[in-house]
Amino acid sequence: MKRFEKKVVLITGAGSGLGQATAIQLAKEGANLSLVDVNEKGLEETKEKVLEANSITEVKLLTADVSDKQQWKTL
């Protein structure tokens, strides 16, 4: 069993950098992912990389600015 198998992880800032790297690593460890960022194009790129790392990972993309209180409540 992988460490994050049957777990769902929410990652903010997933469209690039550390958030993207975290998403890829957690996918390798069996996690399903909810990815959040204001950059929709970056989220799509992250999703592609995640699925390259683990093709059976479930990925949900959410475009939002988590520094905006109303958008955070919506998530």
Protein backbone atom coordinates (compact mmCIF):
# COMPACT_ATOMS: atom_id res chain seq x y z
CA MET A 1 0.00 0.00 0.00
CA LYS A 2 1.23 3.46 -0.86
CA ARG A 3 1.36 6.04 1.91
CA PHE A 4 -1.49 8.21 0.54
CA GLU A 5 -3.61 5.51 -1.09
CA LYS A 6 -7.36 6.14 -0.60
CA LYS A 7 -6.65 9.71 0.57
CA VAL A 8 -7.66 13.00 -1.05
CA VAL A 9 -5.25 15.89 -0.70
CA LEU A 10 -6.09 19.57 -1.32
CA ILE A 11 -3.11 21.55 -2.59
CA THR A 12 -3.20 25.32 -2.97
CA GLY A 13 -0.75 27.02 -5.31
CA ALA A 14 -0.70 23.86 -7.41
CA GLY A 15 -0.22 25.63 -10.74
CA SER A 16 3.55 25.90 -10.41
CA GLY A 17 6.61 25.56 -8.23
CA LEU A 18 6.39 23.82 -4.88
CA GLY A 19 2.65 23.20 -5.19
CA GLN A 20 3.14 21.47 -8.52
CA ALA A 21 6.05 19.40 -7.21
CA THR A 22 4.00 18.39 -4.17
CA ALA A 23 1.11 17.29 -6.37
CA ILE A 24 3.38 15.11 -8.49
CA GLN A 25 5.01 13.48 -5.46
CA LEU A 26 1.70 12.80 -3.71
CA ALA A 27 0.30 11.26 -6.90
CA LYS A 28 3.30 8.90 -6.96
CA GLU A 29 2.38 7.95 -3.39
CA GLY A 30 -1.21 7.11 -4.36
CA ALA A 31 -3.14 10.27 -3.43
CA ASN A 32 -6.14 11.61 -5.30
CA LEU A 33 -5.87 15.37 -5.67
CA SER A 34 -7.88 18.57 -5.53
CA LEU A 35 -5.64 21.25 -7.00
CA VAL A 36 -6.24 24.97 -6.48
CA ASP A 37 -4.61 27.98 -8.13
CA VAL A 38 -5.57 31.27 -9.81
CA ASN A 39 -3.63 30.16 -12.89
CA GLU A 40 -5.92 27.87 -14.89
CA LYS A 41 -3.24 27.13 -17.51
CA GLY A 42 -0.78 26.18 -14.76
CA LEU A 43 -3.34 23.84 -13.21
CA GLU A 44 -3.82 22.07 -16.54
CA GLU A 45 -0.05 21.67 -16.85
CA THR A 46 0.16 20.26 -13.34
CA LYS A 47 -2.64 17.81 -14.10
CA GLU A 48 -0.75 16.54 -17.16
CA LYS A 49 2.42 16.02 -15.10
CA VAL A 50 0.49 14.32 -12.30
CA LEU A 51 -1.10 11.88 -14.73
CA GLU A 52 2.31 11.15 -16.25
CA ALA A 53 3.52 10.25 -12.74
CA ASN A 54 0.45 8.13 -11.93
CA SER A 55 -2.16 7.61 -14.62
CA ILE A 56 -4.87 6.41 -12.20
CA THR A 57 -4.76 9.46 -9.92
CA GLU A 58 -8.08 11.30 -9.74
CA VAL A 59 -7.49 15.03 -10.23
CA LYS A 60 -9.99 17.82 -9.63
CA LEU A 61 -9.00 21.34 -10.69
CA LEU A 62 -10.33 24.41 -8.90
CA THR A 63 -9.51 27.90 -10.12
CA ALA A 64 -9.61 30.26 -7.16
CA ASP A 65 -7.66 32.86 -5.21
CA VAL A 66 -7.38 31.45 -1.69
CA SER A 67 -6.35 34.86 -0.36
CA ASP A 68 -9.91 36.01 -1.16
CA LYS A 69 -12.09 35.07 1.81
CA GLN A 70 -15.26 34.54 -0.25
CA GLN A 71 -13.50 32.31 -2.77
CA TRP A 72 -11.96 30.27 0.06
CA LYS A 73 -15.41 29.76 1.62
CA THR A 74 -16.70 28.57 -1.74
CA LEU A 75 -13.99 25.91 -1.91
